[in-house]
Amino acid sequence: MNDRKLQRINELARKSKAEGLTESEKKEQADLRREYIEAIRRNLRGQLDNIDILTKEGKIENLGEKYGKKGH
C-alpha cells in the first residue's frame, strides 16, 4: 500500500468525523481499509513464515513449513 492511499484513508476518516461521507466515499473507505488490512496480513504472514524455532529436541523448525503456510 502506497503513501497516497494511506493519506486518503486518513482524509476520509477525518471527513467522516467532521461532516460525514457520501455513499461513494463510504465504499471507497471500506475498499481502502480492506486493502490496508490485507497488506498488513501479508506482511505479518511473511514475517512469521521466516521464523525458525529451536525445539526441545534440538531440531530447528521453520514455522511456515511446520504449519503449511510457506509461500502464501
N, C-alpha and C. Protein backbone atom coordinates (compact mmCIF):
# COMPACT_ATOMS: atom_id res chain seq x y z
N MET A 1 0.85 -1.17 0.00
CA MET A 1 0.00 0.00 0.00
C MET A 1 0.90 1.24 0.00
N ASN A 2 0.60 2.16 -0.88
CA ASN A 2 1.45 3.34 -1.00
C ASN A 2 0.98 4.48 -0.09
N ASP A 3 1.82 5.49 0.02
CA ASP A 3 1.55 6.62 0.91
C ASP A 3 0.29 7.38 0.51
N ARG A 4 0.05 7.48 -0.79
CA ARG A 4 -1.13 8.21 -1.26
C ARG A 4 -2.42 7.56 -0.75
N LYS A 5 -2.46 6.23 -0.77
CA LYS A 5 -3.65 5.53 -0.29
C LYS A 5 -3.80 5.68 1.22
N LEU A 6 -2.68 5.64 1.94
CA LEU A 6 -2.75 5.85 3.39
C LEU A 6 -3.24 7.26 3.72
N GLN A 7 -2.79 8.24 2.97
CA GLN A 7 -3.26 9.61 3.17
C GLN A 7 -4.75 9.71 2.91
N ARG A 8 -5.20 9.01 1.87
CA ARG A 8 -6.63 9.04 1.54
C ARG A 8 -7.46 8.39 2.64
N ILE A 9 -6.98 7.30 3.21
CA ILE A 9 -7.68 6.66 4.33
C ILE A 9 -7.84 7.66 5.46
N ASN A 10 -6.78 8.38 5.78
CA ASN A 10 -6.82 9.36 6.86
C ASN A 10 -7.74 10.54 6.53
N GLU A 11 -7.71 10.99 5.28
CA GLU A 11 -8.60 12.08 4.86
C GLU A 11 -10.07 11.68 5.04
N LEU A 12 -10.39 10.47 4.61
CA LEU A 12 -11.77 10.01 4.72
C LEU A 12 -12.18 9.83 6.18
N ALA A 13 -11.26 9.39 7.01
CA ALA A 13 -11.58 9.23 8.44
C ALA A 13 -11.87 10.59 9.07
N ARG A 14 -11.04 11.59 8.75
CA ARG A 14 -11.27 12.94 9.29
C ARG A 14 -12.59 13.51 8.79
N LYS A 15 -12.86 13.34 7.49
CA LYS A 15 -14.09 13.88 6.92
C LYS A 15 -15.30 13.18 7.52
N SER A 16 -15.18 11.88 7.76
CA SER A 16 -16.28 11.12 8.35
C SER A 16 -16.65 11.66 9.72
N LYS A 17 -15.65 11.99 10.52
CA LYS A 17 -15.90 12.53 11.86
C LYS A 17 -16.44 13.96 11.79
N ALA A 18 -15.94 14.75 10.85
CA ALA A 18 -16.29 16.16 10.78
C ALA A 18 -17.66 16.41 10.16
N GLU A 19 -17.93 15.77 9.03
CA GLU A 19 -19.17 16.11 8.31
C GLU A 19 -19.90 14.92 7.71
N GLY A 20 -19.31 13.75 7.78
CA GLY A 20 -19.95 12.58 7.19
C GLY A 20 -19.45 12.33 5.78
N LEU A 21 -19.75 11.15 5.28
CA LEU A 21 -19.29 10.74 3.96
C LEU A 21 -20.48 10.44 3.05
N THR A 22 -20.25 10.63 1.75
CA THR A 22 -21.25 10.22 0.77
C THR A 22 -21.19 8.70 0.65
N GLU A 23 -22.15 8.13 -0.02
CA GLU A 23 -22.16 6.67 -0.20
C GLU A 23 -20.93 6.20 -0.97
N SER A 24 -20.54 6.96 -1.99
CA SER A 24 -19.36 6.55 -2.77
C SER A 24 -18.08 6.66 -1.93
N GLU A 25 -18.02 7.66 -1.06
CA GLU A 25 -16.86 7.80 -0.16
C GLU A 25 -16.83 6.68 0.88
N LYS A 26 -18.01 6.28 1.35
CA LYS A 26 -18.07 5.17 2.30
C LYS A 26 -17.56 3.88 1.66
N LYS A 27 -17.94 3.66 0.39
CA LYS A 27 -17.47 2.47 -0.32
C LYS A 27 -15.97 2.55 -0.53
N GLU A 28 -15.47 3.72 -0.94
CA GLU A 28 -14.03 3.91 -1.13
C GLU A 28 -13.28 3.65 0.17
N GLN A 29 -13.80 4.17 1.27
CA GLN A 29 -13.17 3.98 2.57
C GLN A 29 -13.12 2.50 2.94
N ALA A 30 -14.21 1.79 2.73
CA ALA A 30 -14.26 0.36 3.05
C ALA A 30 -13.27 -0.42 2.19
N ASP A 31 -13.19 -0.08 0.90
CA ASP A 31 -12.25 -0.75 0.00
C ASP A 31 -10.80 -0.49 0.40
N LEU A 32 -10.50 0.76 0.72
CA LEU A 32 -9.13 1.10 1.15
C LEU A 32 -8.77 0.43 2.46
N ARG A 33 -9.69 0.38 3.38
CA ARG A 33 -9.42 -0.28 4.66
C ARG A 33 -9.19 -1.78 4.46
N ARG A 34 -9.99 -2.39 3.60
CA ARG A 34 -9.83 -3.82 3.31
C ARG A 34 -8.45 -4.08 2.69
N GLU A 35 -8.05 -3.23 1.76
CA GLU A 35 -6.74 -3.37 1.12
C GLU A 35 -5.61 -3.20 2.14
N TYR A 36 -5.78 -2.24 3.05
CA TYR A 36 -4.78 -1.99 4.09
C TYR A 36 -4.64 -3.21 5.00
N ILE A 37 -5.74 -3.76 5.44
CA ILE A 37 -5.71 -4.92 6.33
C ILE A 37 -5.08 -6.12 5.62
N GLU A 38 -5.39 -6.32 4.34
CA GLU A 38 -4.77 -7.42 3.59
C GLU A 38 -3.26 -7.24 3.49
N ALA A 39 -2.81 -6.00 3.30
CA ALA A 39 -1.37 -5.74 3.22
C ALA A 39 -0.69 -6.03 4.56
N ILE A 40 -1.33 -5.66 5.64
CA ILE A 40 -0.79 -5.94 6.98
C ILE A 40 -0.70 -7.45 7.20
N ARG A 41 -1.74 -8.18 6.81
CA ARG A 41 -1.74 -9.63 6.99
C ARG A 41 -0.65 -10.30 6.16
N ARG A 42 -0.48 -9.85 4.91
CA ARG A 42 0.59 -10.42 4.06
C ARG A 42 1.95 -10.17 4.68
N ASN A 43 2.15 -8.97 5.18
CA ASN A 43 3.43 -8.62 5.81
C ASN A 43 3.68 -9.50 7.03
N LEU A 44 2.68 -9.64 7.87
CA LEU A 44 2.82 -10.45 9.08
C LEU A 44 3.05 -11.92 8.73
N ARG A 45 2.32 -12.43 7.75
CA ARG A 45 2.50 -13.83 7.33
C ARG A 45 3.92 -14.03 6.81
N GLY A 46 4.43 -13.09 6.04
CA GLY A 46 5.80 -13.19 5.54
C GLY A 46 6.82 -13.24 6.66
N GLN A 47 6.59 -12.43 7.69
CA GLN A 47 7.50 -12.45 8.83
C GLN A 47 7.40 -13.76 9.59
N LEU A 48 6.19 -14.23 9.83
CA LEU A 48 6.01 -15.48 10.58
C LEU A 48 6.56 -16.68 9.82
N ASP A 49 6.42 -16.66 8.49
CA ASP A 49 6.92 -17.77 7.68
C ASP A 49 8.44 -17.87 7.72
N ASN A 50 9.10 -16.82 8.13
CA ASN A 50 10.56 -16.82 8.17
C ASN A 50 11.13 -16.97 9.57
N ILE A 51 10.29 -17.37 10.51
CA ILE A 51 10.77 -17.58 11.88
C ILE A 51 11.14 -19.04 12.06
N ASP A 52 12.34 -19.27 12.55
CA ASP A 52 12.79 -20.61 12.90
C ASP A 52 12.82 -20.73 14.41
N ILE A 53 12.35 -21.89 14.91
CA ILE A 53 12.39 -22.12 16.34
C ILE A 53 13.24 -23.35 16.64
N LEU A 54 13.82 -23.36 17.80
CA LEU A 54 14.61 -24.49 18.26
C LEU A 54 13.73 -25.31 19.21
N THR A 55 13.46 -26.56 18.82
CA THR A 55 12.61 -27.42 19.65
C THR A 55 13.39 -27.94 20.85
N LYS A 56 12.66 -28.57 21.77
CA LYS A 56 13.29 -29.16 22.95
C LYS A 56 14.27 -30.26 22.56
N GLU A 57 14.01 -30.89 21.42
CA GLU A 57 14.89 -31.96 20.94
C GLU A 57 16.14 -31.43 20.25
N GLY A 58 16.25 -30.12 20.10
CA GLY A 58 17.42 -29.52 19.48
C GLY A 58 17.30 -29.38 17.97
N LYS A 59 16.12 -29.62 17.43
CA LYS A 59 15.88 -29.50 15.99
C LYS A 59 15.36 -28.10 15.68
N ILE A 60 15.81 -27.55 14.56
CA ILE A 60 15.33 -26.24 14.14
C ILE A 60 14.17 -26.44 13.17
N GLU A 61 13.02 -25.81 13.48
CA GLU A 61 11.84 -25.91 12.63
C GLU A 61 11.45 -24.52 12.14
N ASN A 62 11.06 -24.46 10.89
CA ASN A 62 10.54 -23.22 10.32
C ASN A 62 9.03 -23.21 10.54
N LEU A 63 8.51 -22.14 11.10
CA LEU A 63 7.08 -22.09 11.40
C LEU A 63 6.23 -22.12 10.13
N GLY A 64 6.68 -21.48 9.06
CA GLY A 64 5.94 -21.50 7.81
C GLY A 64 5.82 -22.90 7.26
N GLU A 65 6.91 -23.66 7.29
CA GLU A 65 6.88 -25.03 6.81
C GLU A 65 6.10 -25.93 7.75
N LYS A 66 6.25 -25.71 9.04
CA LYS A 66 5.58 -26.55 10.04
C LYS A 66 4.07 -26.47 9.91
N TYR A 67 3.57 -25.28 9.65
CA TYR A 67 2.12 -25.10 9.59
C TYR A 67 1.57 -25.02 8.17
N GLY A 68 2.41 -25.35 7.18
CA GLY A 68 1.96 -25.47 5.81
C GLY A 68 1.57 -24.18 5.13
N LYS A 69 2.05 -23.08 5.61
CA LYS A 69 1.68 -21.78 5.05
C LYS A 69 2.80 -21.14 4.24
N LYS A 70 3.91 -21.80 4.07
CA LYS A 70 5.06 -21.22 3.37
C LYS A 70 4.65 -20.81 1.97
N GLY A 71 4.94 -19.56 1.63
CA GLY A 71 4.68 -19.05 0.29
C GLY A 71 3.27 -18.52 0.09
N HIS A 72 2.44 -18.46 1.12
CA HIS A 72 1.08 -17.95 0.95
C HIS A 72 0.94 -16.60 1.52
